[in-house]
Each structure stands twice: as C-alpha cells, then as structure tokens.
C-alpha cells in the first residue's frame, strides 16, 4: 500500500493520514490520545510529517491501531483548516502544516527503543 501511496498522482489525491485507535478496554491511553493531537485537534496528520513517520500504526508492541489515507476533501470535512483552504481556493499549500510532537501525561508519544515495523529489532 505504501508504494502505491508514494506515486505522485496518488500522493496529491491523498496527502493526509487519519489515525484510528481501537476503542476497547485494551487500548492504551496514549494511542487513544493520538486521535486528538493531529492537525487542528483532529486525528488527521500530513503524510509527510515526521510525527506521522513515527506514530504510523503499528508503532509499538501489540499496537492494534489503524490508519487511512484520506483526501483533501475528507480532511477538510474532519476540520483540518489547511485542507479547507486548499479545497476552497484550489491552491495546494506552499508549505504543509505539521503538528507539534504529541504527548500523553507530559511525555512524548514515541515508539519504544528497539521497535521495528518489520519485526526485526532496530
């Protein structure tokens, strides 16, 4: 999926990513917090944001969160102001907005040391 999303035609169509936590008793609170720490308080992150590169699910052992590639229209509907302007003007932002590093309980939300999406310790 990542290679398809990296194609220039697709990248322009789906420049945002939505983070989805699993809402059950096993969901870690820091994972749930990522649904409100994206752009403009949403679960939406820019695909090029370094934060997204770190928190893209799964981003830790046992993570069951998911994500969706979303369009400018969808991001705008979710409340992302940058996407709303883009949709209204038809002009792609000269510079995309990135989020401040997300935190939970005063600590940055990051992958644990040694974590790797490939299953091989880094």
N, C-alpha and C. Protein backbone atom coordinates (compact mmCIF):
# COMPACT_ATOMS: atom_id res chain seq x y z
N UNK A 1 0.82 -1.18 0.00
CA UNK A 1 0.00 0.00 0.00
C UNK A 1 0.87 1.26 0.00
N UNK A 2 1.96 1.23 0.77
CA UNK A 2 2.83 2.41 0.86
C UNK A 2 3.41 2.79 -0.50
N UNK A 3 3.77 1.79 -1.31
CA UNK A 3 4.35 2.11 -2.62
C UNK A 3 3.32 2.74 -3.54
N UNK A 4 2.08 2.32 -3.43
CA UNK A 4 1.01 2.94 -4.23
C UNK A 4 0.79 4.38 -3.78
N UNK A 5 0.75 4.59 -2.46
CA UNK A 5 0.53 5.93 -1.93
C UNK A 5 1.68 6.88 -2.24
N UNK A 6 2.86 6.33 -2.51
CA UNK A 6 4.03 7.17 -2.82
C UNK A 6 4.03 7.65 -4.28
N UNK A 7 3.18 7.09 -5.13
CA UNK A 7 3.12 7.52 -6.53
C UNK A 7 2.64 8.97 -6.58
N UNK A 8 3.28 9.83 -7.39
CA UNK A 8 2.93 11.26 -7.42
C UNK A 8 1.45 11.56 -7.65
N UNK A 9 0.80 10.80 -8.50
CA UNK A 9 -0.63 11.05 -8.75
C UNK A 9 -1.45 10.75 -7.51
N UNK A 10 -1.12 9.68 -6.83
CA UNK A 10 -1.86 9.28 -5.64
C UNK A 10 -1.52 10.20 -4.46
N UNK A 11 -0.25 10.59 -4.35
CA UNK A 11 0.17 11.47 -3.26
C UNK A 11 -0.64 12.75 -3.25
N UNK A 12 -0.84 13.36 -4.41
CA UNK A 12 -1.63 14.59 -4.48
C UNK A 12 -3.09 14.35 -4.13
N UNK A 13 -3.60 13.17 -4.42
CA UNK A 13 -5.00 12.87 -4.13
C UNK A 13 -5.26 12.52 -2.68
N UNK A 14 -4.24 11.97 -2.01
CA UNK A 14 -4.40 11.52 -0.62
C UNK A 14 -3.21 11.99 0.22
N UNK A 15 -3.12 13.29 0.48
CA UNK A 15 -1.95 13.82 1.19
C UNK A 15 -2.02 13.73 2.72
N UNK A 16 -3.11 13.22 3.23
CA UNK A 16 -3.29 13.16 4.68
C UNK A 16 -3.51 11.72 5.14
N UNK A 17 -3.27 11.51 6.44
CA UNK A 17 -3.48 10.21 7.05
C UNK A 17 -4.32 10.39 8.30
N UNK A 18 -5.28 9.50 8.50
CA UNK A 18 -6.12 9.52 9.70
C UNK A 18 -5.71 8.37 10.61
N UNK A 19 -5.48 8.68 11.87
CA UNK A 19 -5.09 7.70 12.89
C UNK A 19 -6.35 7.17 13.56
N UNK A 20 -6.45 5.85 13.70
CA UNK A 20 -7.63 5.24 14.31
C UNK A 20 -7.21 4.30 15.44
N UNK A 21 -7.53 4.66 16.66
CA UNK A 21 -7.29 3.78 17.81
C UNK A 21 -8.43 2.78 17.90
N UNK A 22 -8.16 1.65 18.52
CA UNK A 22 -9.21 0.66 18.77
C UNK A 22 -9.86 1.04 20.11
N UNK A 23 -11.12 1.34 20.09
CA UNK A 23 -11.81 1.82 21.29
C UNK A 23 -12.37 0.66 22.10
N UNK A 24 -11.48 0.02 22.84
CA UNK A 24 -11.89 -1.03 23.76
C UNK A 24 -11.03 -0.93 25.02
N UNK A 25 -11.25 -1.82 25.97
CA UNK A 25 -10.55 -1.75 27.26
C UNK A 25 -9.04 -1.98 27.13
N UNK A 26 -8.59 -2.61 26.05
CA UNK A 26 -7.17 -2.89 25.88
C UNK A 26 -6.40 -1.74 25.24
N UNK A 27 -7.10 -0.74 24.74
CA UNK A 27 -6.45 0.38 24.06
C UNK A 27 -5.65 1.20 25.06
N UNK A 28 -4.39 1.44 24.73
CA UNK A 28 -3.55 2.27 25.60
C UNK A 28 -3.98 3.74 25.49
N UNK A 29 -3.99 4.45 26.60
CA UNK A 29 -4.46 5.83 26.57
C UNK A 29 -3.63 6.74 25.67
N UNK A 30 -2.32 6.48 25.56
CA UNK A 30 -1.51 7.33 24.68
C UNK A 30 -1.87 7.11 23.22
N UNK A 31 -2.29 5.90 22.87
CA UNK A 31 -2.72 5.62 21.49
C UNK A 31 -4.03 6.34 21.22
N UNK A 32 -4.95 6.30 22.16
CA UNK A 32 -6.23 6.99 22.00
C UNK A 32 -6.01 8.50 21.89
N UNK A 33 -5.03 9.02 22.63
CA UNK A 33 -4.74 10.46 22.61
C UNK A 33 -4.33 10.94 21.22
N UNK A 34 -3.75 10.06 20.42
CA UNK A 34 -3.31 10.46 19.08
C UNK A 34 -4.48 10.80 18.15
N UNK A 35 -5.68 10.44 18.55
CA UNK A 35 -6.85 10.80 17.76
C UNK A 35 -7.26 12.26 17.94
N UNK A 36 -6.61 12.95 18.85
CA UNK A 36 -6.94 14.37 19.07
C UNK A 36 -5.71 15.28 18.99
N UNK A 37 -4.57 14.75 18.61
CA UNK A 37 -3.36 15.55 18.58
C UNK A 37 -2.84 15.79 17.17
N UNK A 38 -3.68 15.49 16.19
CA UNK A 38 -3.31 15.77 14.81
C UNK A 38 -3.60 17.21 14.45
N UNK A 39 -3.67 17.49 13.18
CA UNK A 39 -3.91 18.84 12.68
C UNK A 39 -5.23 19.40 13.23
N UNK A 40 -5.16 20.58 13.81
CA UNK A 40 -6.35 21.27 14.34
C UNK A 40 -7.16 20.42 15.31
N UNK A 41 -6.47 19.60 16.11
CA UNK A 41 -7.13 18.81 17.13
C UNK A 41 -7.88 17.59 16.61
N UNK A 42 -7.56 17.17 15.40
CA UNK A 42 -8.23 16.01 14.80
C UNK A 42 -7.32 14.78 14.89
N UNK A 43 -7.75 13.71 14.24
CA UNK A 43 -6.94 12.51 14.12
C UNK A 43 -6.17 12.51 12.79
N UNK A 44 -6.10 13.65 12.13
CA UNK A 44 -5.50 13.78 10.79
C UNK A 44 -4.08 14.34 10.89
N UNK A 45 -3.17 13.69 10.16
CA UNK A 45 -1.77 14.10 10.10
C UNK A 45 -1.37 14.21 8.63
N UNK A 46 -0.43 15.09 8.34
CA UNK A 46 0.09 15.17 6.98
C UNK A 46 0.97 13.95 6.74
N UNK A 47 0.85 13.37 5.57
CA UNK A 47 1.62 12.16 5.25
C UNK A 47 3.12 12.39 5.30
N UNK A 48 3.56 13.65 5.11
CA UNK A 48 4.99 13.96 5.11
C UNK A 48 5.50 14.38 6.48
N UNK A 49 4.64 14.48 7.45
CA UNK A 49 5.02 14.94 8.79
C UNK A 49 5.93 13.90 9.46
N UNK A 50 7.07 14.32 10.01
CA UNK A 50 7.94 13.39 10.74
C UNK A 50 7.23 12.71 11.92
N UNK A 51 6.26 13.40 12.51
CA UNK A 51 5.48 12.77 13.58
C UNK A 51 4.75 11.56 13.02
N UNK A 52 4.15 11.70 11.84
CA UNK A 52 3.42 10.58 11.25
C UNK A 52 4.36 9.40 11.00
N UNK A 53 5.57 9.68 10.55
CA UNK A 53 6.53 8.60 10.30
C UNK A 53 6.80 7.81 11.58
N UNK A 54 6.74 8.47 12.72
CA UNK A 54 6.99 7.81 14.00
C UNK A 54 5.77 7.08 14.53
N UNK A 55 4.59 7.66 14.40
CA UNK A 55 3.40 7.09 15.05
C UNK A 55 2.52 6.27 14.13
N UNK A 56 2.88 6.16 12.85
CA UNK A 56 2.05 5.38 11.92
C UNK A 56 1.89 3.96 12.47
N UNK A 57 0.64 3.51 12.63
CA UNK A 57 0.40 2.18 13.19
C UNK A 57 0.91 1.06 12.29
N UNK A 58 1.34 -0.02 12.92
CA UNK A 58 1.58 -0.17 14.35
C UNK A 58 2.89 0.51 14.73
N UNK A 59 2.90 1.17 15.89
CA UNK A 59 4.12 1.86 16.27
C UNK A 59 4.69 1.39 17.60
N UNK A 60 4.17 0.31 18.13
CA UNK A 60 4.75 -0.29 19.33
C UNK A 60 4.25 -1.72 19.44
N UNK A 61 4.84 -2.45 20.34
CA UNK A 61 4.49 -3.86 20.53
C UNK A 61 3.00 -3.97 20.86
N UNK A 62 2.31 -4.86 20.18
CA UNK A 62 0.90 -5.10 20.45
C UNK A 62 -0.05 -4.00 20.00
N UNK A 63 0.44 -3.04 19.24
CA UNK A 63 -0.42 -1.95 18.76
C UNK A 63 -1.43 -2.51 17.76
N UNK A 64 -2.70 -2.21 18.00
CA UNK A 64 -3.76 -2.66 17.11
C UNK A 64 -4.42 -1.51 16.38
N UNK A 65 -3.83 -0.31 16.50
CA UNK A 65 -4.39 0.87 15.84
C UNK A 65 -4.29 0.72 14.33
N UNK A 66 -5.04 1.54 13.63
CA UNK A 66 -5.00 1.52 12.18
C UNK A 66 -4.92 2.93 11.63
N UNK A 67 -4.83 3.03 10.31
CA UNK A 67 -4.78 4.33 9.67
C UNK A 67 -5.40 4.24 8.29
N UNK A 68 -5.78 5.40 7.79
CA UNK A 68 -6.40 5.51 6.48
C UNK A 68 -5.78 6.67 5.73
N UNK A 69 -5.46 6.48 4.47
CA UNK A 69 -5.05 7.59 3.61
C UNK A 69 -6.32 8.36 3.26
N UNK A 70 -6.29 9.68 3.42
CA UNK A 70 -7.50 10.46 3.15
C UNK A 70 -7.23 11.63 2.21
N UNK A 71 -8.26 12.02 1.55
CA UNK A 71 -8.20 13.11 0.57
C UNK A 71 -8.28 14.47 1.24
N UNK A 72 -8.03 15.50 0.46
CA UNK A 72 -8.16 16.88 0.92
C UNK A 72 -9.61 17.11 1.36
N UNK A 73 -10.57 16.65 0.57
CA UNK A 73 -11.99 16.85 0.90
C UNK A 73 -12.35 16.19 2.23
N UNK A 74 -11.87 14.99 2.45
CA UNK A 74 -12.16 14.29 3.70
C UNK A 74 -11.52 15.01 4.88
N UNK A 75 -10.25 15.40 4.72
CA UNK A 75 -9.55 16.14 5.79
C UNK A 75 -10.28 17.44 6.09
N UNK A 76 -10.73 18.13 5.07
CA UNK A 76 -11.47 19.38 5.27
C UNK A 76 -12.75 19.11 6.06
N UNK A 77 -13.45 18.05 5.72
CA UNK A 77 -14.67 17.69 6.43
C UNK A 77 -14.44 17.31 7.88
N UNK A 78 -13.24 16.85 8.18
CA UNK A 78 -12.90 16.48 9.55
C UNK A 78 -12.41 17.68 10.37
N UNK A 79 -12.29 18.85 9.71
CA UNK A 79 -11.94 20.06 10.44
C UNK A 79 -10.52 20.56 10.26
N UNK A 80 -9.79 20.03 9.29
CA UNK A 80 -8.41 20.48 9.06
C UNK A 80 -8.47 21.77 8.24
N UNK A 81 -8.09 22.88 8.86
CA UNK A 81 -8.20 24.20 8.23
C UNK A 81 -7.35 24.32 6.96
N UNK A 82 -6.15 23.77 6.98
CA UNK A 82 -5.30 23.79 5.79
C UNK A 82 -6.02 23.13 4.61
N UNK A 83 -6.64 22.01 4.84
CA UNK A 83 -7.37 21.30 3.79
C UNK A 83 -8.61 22.09 3.36
N UNK A 84 -9.26 22.76 4.28
CA UNK A 84 -10.42 23.58 3.93
C UNK A 84 -10.01 24.71 2.99
N UNK A 85 -8.89 25.38 3.30
CA UNK A 85 -8.39 26.45 2.42
C UNK A 85 -8.03 25.89 1.05
N UNK A 86 -7.35 24.74 1.03
CA UNK A 86 -6.95 24.10 -0.21
C UNK A 86 -8.18 23.78 -1.05
N UNK A 87 -9.18 23.23 -0.42
CA UNK A 87 -10.41 22.87 -1.12
C UNK A 87 -11.14 24.10 -1.64
N UNK A 88 -11.18 25.17 -0.85
CA UNK A 88 -11.89 26.39 -1.25
C UNK A 88 -11.18 27.18 -2.33
N UNK A 89 -9.85 27.20 -2.29
CA UNK A 89 -9.09 28.00 -3.25
C UNK A 89 -8.58 27.20 -4.44
N UNK A 90 -8.45 25.89 -4.26
CA UNK A 90 -7.88 25.06 -5.31
C UNK A 90 -6.36 25.14 -5.37
N UNK A 91 -5.77 25.87 -4.42
CA UNK A 91 -4.32 26.04 -4.39
C UNK A 91 -3.70 25.17 -3.31
N UNK A 92 -2.78 24.32 -3.73
CA UNK A 92 -2.06 23.48 -2.80
C UNK A 92 -1.21 24.37 -1.89
N UNK A 93 -1.14 24.05 -0.59
CA UNK A 93 -0.32 24.87 0.31
C UNK A 93 1.14 24.88 -0.13
N UNK A 94 1.77 26.06 -0.05
CA UNK A 94 3.19 26.15 -0.39
C UNK A 94 4.01 25.32 0.58
N UNK A 95 3.61 25.34 1.84
CA UNK A 95 4.24 24.52 2.88
C UNK A 95 3.13 23.86 3.69
N UNK A 96 3.25 22.56 3.86
CA UNK A 96 2.24 21.86 4.65
C UNK A 96 2.44 22.11 6.13
N UNK A 97 1.35 22.08 6.84
CA UNK A 97 1.37 22.24 8.29
C UNK A 97 1.70 20.89 8.92
N UNK A 98 2.60 20.90 9.89
CA UNK A 98 2.91 19.71 10.66
C UNK A 98 2.48 19.96 12.10
N UNK A 99 2.32 18.89 12.87
CA UNK A 99 1.89 19.02 14.26
C UNK A 99 3.08 19.08 15.21
N UNK A 100 2.83 19.65 16.38
CA UNK A 100 3.85 19.56 17.44
C UNK A 100 3.88 18.12 17.91
N UNK A 101 5.04 17.73 18.47
CA UNK A 101 5.16 16.32 18.88
C UNK A 101 4.08 15.98 19.90
N UNK A 102 3.29 14.91 19.66
CA UNK A 102 2.20 14.57 20.57
C UNK A 102 2.74 14.04 21.91
N UNK A 103 1.99 14.33 22.96
CA UNK A 103 2.37 13.88 24.29
C UNK A 103 1.18 13.24 24.99
N UNK A 104 1.50 12.45 25.98
CA UNK A 104 0.48 11.92 26.88
C UNK A 104 1.08 11.93 28.27
N UNK A 105 0.35 12.48 29.19
CA UNK A 105 0.79 12.54 30.59
C UNK A 105 2.15 13.23 30.70
N UNK A 106 2.35 14.26 29.85
CA UNK A 106 3.57 15.04 29.89
C UNK A 106 4.78 14.42 29.21
N UNK A 107 4.61 13.26 28.59
CA UNK A 107 5.72 12.58 27.93
C UNK A 107 5.45 12.44 26.44
N UNK A 108 6.49 12.55 25.60
CA UNK A 108 6.28 12.38 24.15
C UNK A 108 5.83 10.97 23.82
N UNK A 109 4.93 10.88 22.87
CA UNK A 109 4.46 9.57 22.41
C UNK A 109 5.40 9.13 21.29
N UNK A 110 6.11 8.03 21.52
CA UNK A 110 7.08 7.54 20.55
C UNK A 110 7.12 6.02 20.59
N UNK A 111 7.68 5.44 19.55
CA UNK A 111 7.91 4.00 19.53
C UNK A 111 8.93 3.65 20.61
N UNK A 112 8.79 2.48 21.23
CA UNK A 112 9.77 2.10 22.24
C UNK A 112 11.13 1.77 21.60
N UNK A 113 12.20 1.91 22.36
CA UNK A 113 13.53 1.56 21.82
C UNK A 113 13.53 0.11 21.33
N UNK A 114 14.14 -0.09 20.18
CA UNK A 114 14.21 -1.44 19.60
C UNK A 114 13.03 -1.83 18.76
N UNK A 115 11.97 -1.01 18.73
CA UNK A 115 10.77 -1.33 17.96
C UNK A 115 11.05 -1.19 16.47
N UNK A 116 10.52 -2.10 15.69
CA UNK A 116 10.62 -2.03 14.24
C UNK A 116 9.36 -2.61 13.63
N UNK A 117 8.81 -1.94 12.64
CA UNK A 117 7.61 -2.46 11.97
C UNK A 117 7.88 -3.76 11.23
N UNK A 118 9.15 -4.02 10.93
CA UNK A 118 9.49 -5.25 10.20
C UNK A 118 9.59 -6.45 11.12
N UNK A 119 9.55 -6.19 12.45
CA UNK A 119 9.66 -7.30 13.39
C UNK A 119 11.10 -7.60 13.76
N UNK A 120 12.04 -6.88 13.16
CA UNK A 120 13.45 -7.05 13.47
C UNK A 120 13.88 -5.87 14.31
N UNK A 121 14.47 -6.15 15.44
CA UNK A 121 14.90 -5.06 16.33
C UNK A 121 15.85 -4.12 15.62
N UNK A 122 15.65 -2.82 15.87
CA UNK A 122 16.49 -1.80 15.23
C UNK A 122 17.84 -1.71 15.91
